[in-house]
Amino acid sequence: WRLSGGRDGCAGRVEVFFRGTWSTVC
C-alpha cells in the first residue's frame, strides 16, 4: 500500500499494488 498526493507518506489517497498493478480502494 501507499498513500499518494498527500503532504507526506502518511496522508493521501489509498493505493494498493495487487496482481501487478496499482488500484484504488472503494
PDB file of all heavy atoms in Angstrom:
ATOM      1  N   TRP A   1       0.828  -1.207   0.000  1.00  0.00           N
ATOM      2  CA  TRP A   1       0.000   0.000   0.000  1.00  0.00           C
ATOM      3  C   TRP A   1       0.858   1.251   0.000  1.00  0.00           C
ATOM      4  O   TRP A   1       1.995   1.241   0.478  1.00  0.00           O
ATOM      5  CB  TRP A   1      -0.904   0.023   1.246  1.00  0.00           C
ATOM      6  CG  TRP A   1      -1.814  -1.146   1.299  1.00  0.00           C
ATOM      7  CD1 TRP A   1      -3.068  -1.254   0.752  1.00  0.00           C
ATOM      8  CD2 TRP A   1      -1.548  -2.420   1.890  1.00  0.00           C
ATOM      9  NE1 TRP A   1      -3.584  -2.501   0.976  1.00  0.00           N
ATOM     10  CE2 TRP A   1      -2.668  -3.239   1.673  1.00  0.00           C
ATOM     11  CE3 TRP A   1      -0.455  -2.936   2.590  1.00  0.00           C
ATOM     12  CZ2 TRP A   1      -2.744  -4.545   2.121  1.00  0.00           C
ATOM     13  CZ3 TRP A   1      -0.517  -4.247   3.036  1.00  0.00           C
ATOM     14  CH2 TRP A   1      -1.659  -5.047   2.799  1.00  0.00           C
ATOM     15  N   ARG A   2       0.296   2.321  -0.538  1.00  0.00           N
ATOM     16  CA  ARG A   2       0.934   3.630  -0.438  1.00  0.00           C
ATOM     17  C   ARG A   2      -0.165   4.679  -0.348  1.00  0.00           C
ATOM     18  O   ARG A   2      -1.313   4.439  -0.754  1.00  0.00           O
ATOM     19  CB  ARG A   2       1.827   3.905  -1.651  1.00  0.00           C
ATOM     20  CG  ARG A   2       1.066   4.045  -2.962  1.00  0.00           C
ATOM     21  CD  ARG A   2       1.991   4.187  -4.158  1.00  0.00           C
ATOM     22  NE  ARG A   2       1.215   4.339  -5.401  1.00  0.00           N
ATOM     23  CZ  ARG A   2       1.732   4.212  -6.619  1.00  0.00           C
ATOM     24  NH1 ARG A   2       3.012   3.906  -6.770  1.00  0.00           N
ATOM     25  NH2 ARG A   2       0.958   4.373  -7.690  1.00  0.00           N
ATOM     26  N   LEU A   3       0.192   5.829   0.190  1.00  0.00           N
ATOM     27  CA  LEU A   3      -0.713   6.975   0.225  1.00  0.00           C
ATOM     28  C   LEU A   3      -0.133   8.011  -0.723  1.00  0.00           C
ATOM     29  O   LEU A   3       1.032   8.396  -0.590  1.00  0.00           O
ATOM     30  CB  LEU A   3      -0.832   7.522   1.652  1.00  0.00           C
ATOM     31  CG  LEU A   3      -1.425   6.532   2.659  1.00  0.00           C
ATOM     32  CD1 LEU A   3      -1.426   7.119   4.068  1.00  0.00           C
ATOM     33  CD2 LEU A   3      -2.838   6.118   2.258  1.00  0.00           C
ATOM     34  N   SER A   4      -0.913   8.425  -1.709  1.00  0.00           N
ATOM     35  CA  SER A   4      -0.373   9.322  -2.723  1.00  0.00           C
ATOM     36  C   SER A   4      -1.086  10.666  -2.719  1.00  0.00           C
ATOM     37  O   SER A   4      -2.281  10.751  -2.408  1.00  0.00           O
ATOM     38  CB  SER A   4      -0.476   8.686  -4.115  1.00  0.00           C
ATOM     39  OG  SER A   4      -1.806   8.684  -4.559  1.00  0.00           O
ATOM     40  N   GLY A   5      -0.340  11.701  -3.049  1.00  0.00           N
ATOM     41  CA  GLY A   5      -0.912  13.036  -3.213  1.00  0.00           C
ATOM     42  C   GLY A   5      -1.052  13.832  -1.939  1.00  0.00           C
ATOM     43  O   GLY A   5      -1.527  14.964  -1.966  1.00  0.00           O
ATOM     44  N   GLY A   6      -0.653  13.256  -0.792  1.00  0.00           N
ATOM     45  CA  GLY A   6      -0.761  13.983   0.466  1.00  0.00           C
ATOM     46  C   GLY A   6       0.516  14.732   0.797  1.00  0.00           C
ATOM     47  O   GLY A   6       1.449  14.782  -0.003  1.00  0.00           O
ATOM     48  N   ARG A   7       0.576  15.276   1.997  1.00  0.00           N
ATOM     49  CA  ARG A   7       1.748  16.089   2.380  1.00  0.00           C
ATOM     50  C   ARG A   7       2.986  15.221   2.576  1.00  0.00           C
ATOM     51  O   ARG A   7       4.113  15.691   2.493  1.00  0.00           O
ATOM     52  CB  ARG A   7       1.447  16.872   3.666  1.00  0.00           C
ATOM     53  CG  ARG A   7       1.062  15.954   4.806  1.00  0.00           C
ATOM     54  CD  ARG A   7       1.106  16.541   6.192  1.00  0.00           C
ATOM     55  NE  ARG A   7       1.103  15.445   7.158  1.00  0.00           N
ATOM     56  CZ  ARG A   7       0.021  15.012   7.789  1.00  0.00           C
ATOM     57  NH1 ARG A   7      -1.136  15.591   7.593  1.00  0.00           N
ATOM     58  NH2 ARG A   7       0.101  14.000   8.620  1.00  0.00           N
ATOM     59  N   ASP A   8       2.789  13.944   2.890  1.00  0.00           N
ATOM     60  CA  ASP A   8       3.907  13.019   3.088  1.00  0.00           C
ATOM     61  C   ASP A   8       3.370  11.593   2.943  1.00  0.00           C
ATOM     62  O   ASP A   8       2.227  11.403   2.523  1.00  0.00           O
ATOM     63  CB  ASP A   8       4.558  13.240   4.468  1.00  0.00           C
ATOM     64  CG  ASP A   8       3.588  13.017   5.639  1.00  0.00           C
ATOM     65  OD1 ASP A   8       2.552  12.361   5.440  1.00  0.00           O
ATOM     66  OD2 ASP A   8       3.883  13.502   6.744  1.00  0.00           O
ATOM     67  N   GLY A   9       4.205  10.619   3.302  1.00  0.00           N
ATOM     68  CA  GLY A   9       3.810   9.218   3.126  1.00  0.00           C
ATOM     69  C   GLY A   9       2.747   8.729   4.079  1.00  0.00           C
ATOM     70  O   GLY A   9       2.346   7.570   4.019  1.00  0.00           O
ATOM     71  N   CYS A  10       2.262   9.612   4.984  1.00  0.00           N
ATOM     72  CA  CYS A  10       1.239   9.215   5.960  1.00  0.00           C
ATOM     73  C   CYS A  10      -0.106   9.888   5.685  1.00  0.00           C
ATOM     74  O   CYS A  10      -0.979   9.920   6.553  1.00  0.00           O
ATOM     75  CB  CYS A  10       1.713   9.543   7.375  1.00  0.00           C
ATOM     76  SG  CYS A  10       3.006   8.415   7.962  1.00  0.00           S
ATOM     77  N   ALA A  11      -0.280  10.440   4.496  1.00  0.00           N
ATOM     78  CA  ALA A  11      -1.556  11.085   4.151  1.00  0.00           C
ATOM     79  C   ALA A  11      -1.766  10.996   2.649  1.00  0.00           C
ATOM     80  O   ALA A  11      -0.815  11.044   1.875  1.00  0.00           O
ATOM     81  CB  ALA A  11      -1.555  12.551   4.591  1.00  0.00           C
ATOM     82  N   GLY A  12      -3.033  10.857   2.239  1.00  0.00           N
ATOM     83  CA  GLY A  12      -3.329  10.865   0.809  1.00  0.00           C
ATOM     84  C   GLY A  12      -4.343   9.817   0.401  1.00  0.00           C
ATOM     85  O   GLY A  12      -5.009   9.212   1.238  1.00  0.00           O
ATOM     86  N   ARG A  13      -4.433   9.621  -0.899  1.00  0.00           N
ATOM     87  CA  ARG A  13      -5.336   8.614  -1.445  1.00  0.00           C
ATOM     88  C   ARG A  13      -4.712   7.236  -1.271  1.00  0.00           C
ATOM     89  O   ARG A  13      -3.524   7.032  -1.512  1.00  0.00           O
ATOM     90  CB  ARG A  13      -5.575   8.887  -2.931  1.00  0.00           C
ATOM     91  CG  ARG A  13      -6.598   7.935  -3.549  1.00  0.00           C
ATOM     92  CD  ARG A  13      -6.929   8.313  -4.969  1.00  0.00           C
ATOM     93  NE  ARG A  13      -5.891   7.903  -5.897  1.00  0.00           N
ATOM     94  CZ  ARG A  13      -6.045   7.886  -7.225  1.00  0.00           C
ATOM     95  NH1 ARG A  13      -7.172   8.288  -7.765  1.00  0.00           N
ATOM     96  NH2 ARG A  13      -5.056   7.507  -8.004  1.00  0.00           N
ATOM     97  N   VAL A  14      -5.528   6.272  -0.839  1.00  0.00           N
ATOM     98  CA  VAL A  14      -5.032   4.911  -0.624  1.00  0.00           C
ATOM     99  C   VAL A  14      -4.897   4.195  -1.972  1.00  0.00           C
ATOM    100  O   VAL A  14      -5.854   4.147  -2.751  1.00  0.00           O
ATOM    101  CB  VAL A  14      -5.999   4.111   0.280  1.00  0.00           C
ATOM    102  CG1 VAL A  14      -5.455   2.708   0.533  1.00  0.00           C
ATOM    103  CG2 VAL A  14      -6.246   4.846   1.592  1.00  0.00           C
ATOM    104  N   GLU A  15      -3.709   3.648  -2.228  1.00  0.00           N
ATOM    105  CA  GLU A  15      -3.494   2.862  -3.444  1.00  0.00           C
ATOM    106  C   GLU A  15      -2.870   1.535  -3.048  1.00  0.00           C
ATOM    107  O   GLU A  15      -2.034   1.475  -2.147  1.00  0.00           O
ATOM    108  CB  GLU A  15      -2.594   3.631  -4.423  1.00  0.00           C
ATOM    109  CG  GLU A  15      -3.262   4.920  -4.903  1.00  0.00           C
ATOM    110  CD  GLU A  15      -2.395   5.760  -5.819  1.00  0.00           C
ATOM    111  OE1 GLU A  15      -1.258   5.345  -6.126  1.00  0.00           O
ATOM    112  OE2 GLU A  15      -2.856   6.840  -6.230  1.00  0.00           O
ATOM    113  N   VAL A  16      -3.326   0.468  -3.696  1.00  0.00           N
ATOM    114  CA  VAL A  16      -2.851  -0.877  -3.377  1.00  0.00           C
ATOM    115  C   VAL A  16      -2.249  -1.518  -4.625  1.00  0.00           C
ATOM    116  O   VAL A  16      -2.830  -1.454  -5.708  1.00  0.00           O
ATOM    117  CB  VAL A  16      -3.992  -1.759  -2.781  1.00  0.00           C
ATOM    118  CG1 VAL A  16      -5.228  -1.774  -3.675  1.00  0.00           C
ATOM    119  CG2 VAL A  16      -3.506  -3.185  -2.533  1.00  0.00           C
ATOM    120  N   PHE A  17      -1.054  -2.103  -4.456  1.00  0.00           N
ATOM    121  CA  PHE A  17      -0.412  -2.856  -5.536  1.00  0.00           C
ATOM    122  C   PHE A  17      -0.823  -4.313  -5.390  1.00  0.00           C
ATOM    123  O   PHE A  17      -0.574  -4.945  -4.357  1.00  0.00           O
ATOM    124  CB  PHE A  17       1.109  -2.728  -5.447  1.00  0.00           C
ATOM    125  CG  PHE A  17       1.833  -3.416  -6.575  1.00  0.00           C
ATOM    126  CD1 PHE A  17       1.920  -2.828  -7.822  1.00  0.00           C
ATOM    127  CD2 PHE A  17       2.429  -4.658  -6.388  1.00  0.00           C
ATOM    128  CE1 PHE A  17       2.578  -3.464  -8.867  1.00  0.00           C
ATOM    129  CE2 PHE A  17       3.093  -5.302  -7.422  1.00  0.00           C
ATOM    130  CZ  PHE A  17       3.170  -4.701  -8.666  1.00  0.00           C
ATOM    131  N   PHE A  18      -1.485  -4.847  -6.411  1.00  0.00           N
ATOM    132  CA  PHE A  18      -2.043  -6.196  -6.342  1.00  0.00           C
ATOM    133  C   PHE A  18      -2.181  -6.732  -7.758  1.00  0.00           C
ATOM    134  O   PHE A  18      -2.627  -6.021  -8.655  1.00  0.00           O
ATOM    135  CB  PHE A  18      -3.405  -6.132  -5.646  1.00  0.00           C
ATOM    136  CG  PHE A  18      -4.116  -7.449  -5.514  1.00  0.00           C
ATOM    137  CD1 PHE A  18      -3.577  -8.474  -4.756  1.00  0.00           C
ATOM    138  CD2 PHE A  18      -5.333  -7.665  -6.136  1.00  0.00           C
ATOM    139  CE1 PHE A  18      -4.237  -9.689  -4.626  1.00  0.00           C
ATOM    140  CE2 PHE A  18      -6.004  -8.874  -6.009  1.00  0.00           C
ATOM    141  CZ  PHE A  18      -5.446  -9.887  -5.256  1.00  0.00           C
ATOM    142  N   ARG A  19      -1.738  -7.954  -7.953  1.00  0.00           N
ATOM    143  CA  ARG A  19      -1.786  -8.600  -9.278  1.00  0.00           C
ATOM    144  C   ARG A  19      -1.128  -7.743 -10.348  1.00  0.00           C
ATOM    145  O   ARG A  19      -1.618  -7.634 -11.479  1.00  0.00           O
ATOM    146  CB  ARG A  19      -3.223  -8.981  -9.652  1.00  0.00           C
ATOM    147  CG  ARG A  19      -3.771 -10.021  -8.681  1.00  0.00           C
ATOM    148  CD  ARG A  19      -5.130 -10.584  -9.027  1.00  0.00           C
ATOM    149  NE  ARG A  19      -5.545 -11.470  -7.936  1.00  0.00           N
ATOM    150  CZ  ARG A  19      -6.786 -11.890  -7.740  1.00  0.00           C
ATOM    151  NH1 ARG A  19      -7.751 -11.520  -8.551  1.00  0.00           N
ATOM    152  NH2 ARG A  19      -7.069 -12.683  -6.729  1.00  0.00           N
ATOM    153  N   GLY A  20      -0.015  -7.134  -9.981  1.00  0.00           N
ATOM    154  CA  GLY A  20       0.823  -6.458 -10.964  1.00  0.00           C
ATOM    155  C   GLY A  20       0.432  -5.036 -11.311  1.00  0.00           C
ATOM    156  O   GLY A  20       1.019  -4.450 -12.214  1.00  0.00           O
ATOM    157  N   THR A  21      -0.561  -4.467 -10.603  1.00  0.00           N
ATOM    158  CA  THR A  21      -0.980  -3.109 -10.955  1.00  0.00           C
ATOM    159  C   THR A  21      -1.413  -2.340  -9.708  1.00  0.00           C
ATOM    160  O   THR A  21      -1.768  -2.944  -8.692  1.00  0.00           O
ATOM    161  CB  THR A  21      -2.131  -3.149 -11.988  1.00  0.00           C
ATOM    162  OG1 THR A  21      -2.421  -1.823 -12.401  1.00  0.00           O
ATOM    163  CG2 THR A  21      -3.382  -3.775 -11.429  1.00  0.00           C
ATOM    164  N   TRP A  22      -1.368  -1.013  -9.775  1.00  0.00           N
ATOM    165  CA  TRP A  22      -1.854  -0.177  -8.671  1.00  0.00           C
ATOM    166  C   TRP A  22      -3.340   0.086  -8.855  1.00  0.00           C
ATOM    167  O   TRP A  22      -3.787   0.380  -9.962  1.00  0.00           O
ATOM    168  CB  TRP A  22      -1.088   1.144  -8.613  1.00  0.00           C
ATOM    169  CG  TRP A  22       0.310   0.966  -8.101  1.00  0.00           C
ATOM    170  CD1 TRP A  22       1.446   0.820  -8.845  1.00  0.00           C
ATOM    171  CD2 TRP A  22       0.715   0.889  -6.726  1.00  0.00           C
ATOM    172  NE1 TRP A  22       2.531   0.655  -8.015  1.00  0.00           N
ATOM    173  CE2 TRP A  22       2.117   0.696  -6.714  1.00  0.00           C
ATOM    174  CE3 TRP A  22       0.032   0.965  -5.504  1.00  0.00           C
ATOM    175  CZ2 TRP A  22       2.848   0.577  -5.530  1.00  0.00           C
ATOM    176  CZ3 TRP A  22       0.764   0.853  -4.326  1.00  0.00           C
ATOM    177  CH2 TRP A  22       2.154   0.662  -4.343  1.00  0.00           C
ATOM    178  N   SER A  23      -4.099  -0.027  -7.784  1.00  0.00           N
ATOM    179  CA  SER A  23      -5.546   0.187  -7.794  1.00  0.00           C
ATOM    180  C   SER A  23      -5.944   1.119  -6.657  1.00  0.00           C
ATOM    181  O   SER A  23      -5.178   1.301  -5.700  1.00  0.00           O
ATOM    182  CB  SER A  23      -6.294  -1.140  -7.617  1.00  0.00           C
ATOM    183  OG  SER A  23      -5.997  -2.028  -8.666  1.00  0.00           O
ATOM    184  N   THR A  24      -7.146   1.677  -6.772  1.00  0.00           N
ATOM    185  CA  THR A  24      -7.684   2.476  -5.671  1.00  0.00           C
ATOM    186  C   THR A  24      -8.561   1.576  -4.789  1.00  0.00           C
ATOM    187  O   THR A  24      -8.850   0.426  -5.122  1.00  0.00           O
ATOM    188  CB  THR A  24      -8.517   3.655  -6.198  1.00  0.00           C
ATOM    189  OG1 THR A  24      -9.350   3.197  -7.267  1.00  0.00           O
ATOM    190  CG2 THR A  24      -7.615   4.772  -6.710  1.00  0.00           C
ATOM    191  N   VAL A  25      -8.986   2.130  -3.652  1.00  0.00           N
ATOM    192  CA  VAL A  25      -9.801   1.389  -2.682  1.00  0.00           C
ATOM    193  C   VAL A  25     -11.157   2.084  -2.574  1.00  0.00           C
ATOM    194  O   VAL A  25     -11.228   3.309  -2.451  1.00  0.00           O
ATOM    195  CB  VAL A  25      -9.095   1.355  -1.306  1.00  0.00           C
ATOM    196  CG1 VAL A  25      -9.998   0.753  -0.238  1.00  0.00           C
ATOM    197  CG2 VAL A  25      -7.788   0.566  -1.412  1.00  0.00           C
ATOM    198  N   CYS A  26     -12.240   1.304  -2.636  1.00  0.00           N
ATOM    199  CA  CYS A  26     -13.590   1.877  -2.565  1.00  0.00           C
ATOM    200  C   CYS A  26     -13.890   2.347  -1.145  1.00  0.00           C
ATOM    201  O   CYS A  26     -13.595   1.633  -0.180  1.00  0.00           O
ATOM    202  CB  CYS A  26     -14.617   0.833  -2.959  1.00  0.00           C
ATOM    203  SG  CYS A  26     -14.277   0.123  -4.571  1.00  0.00           S
TER     204      CYS A  26
END
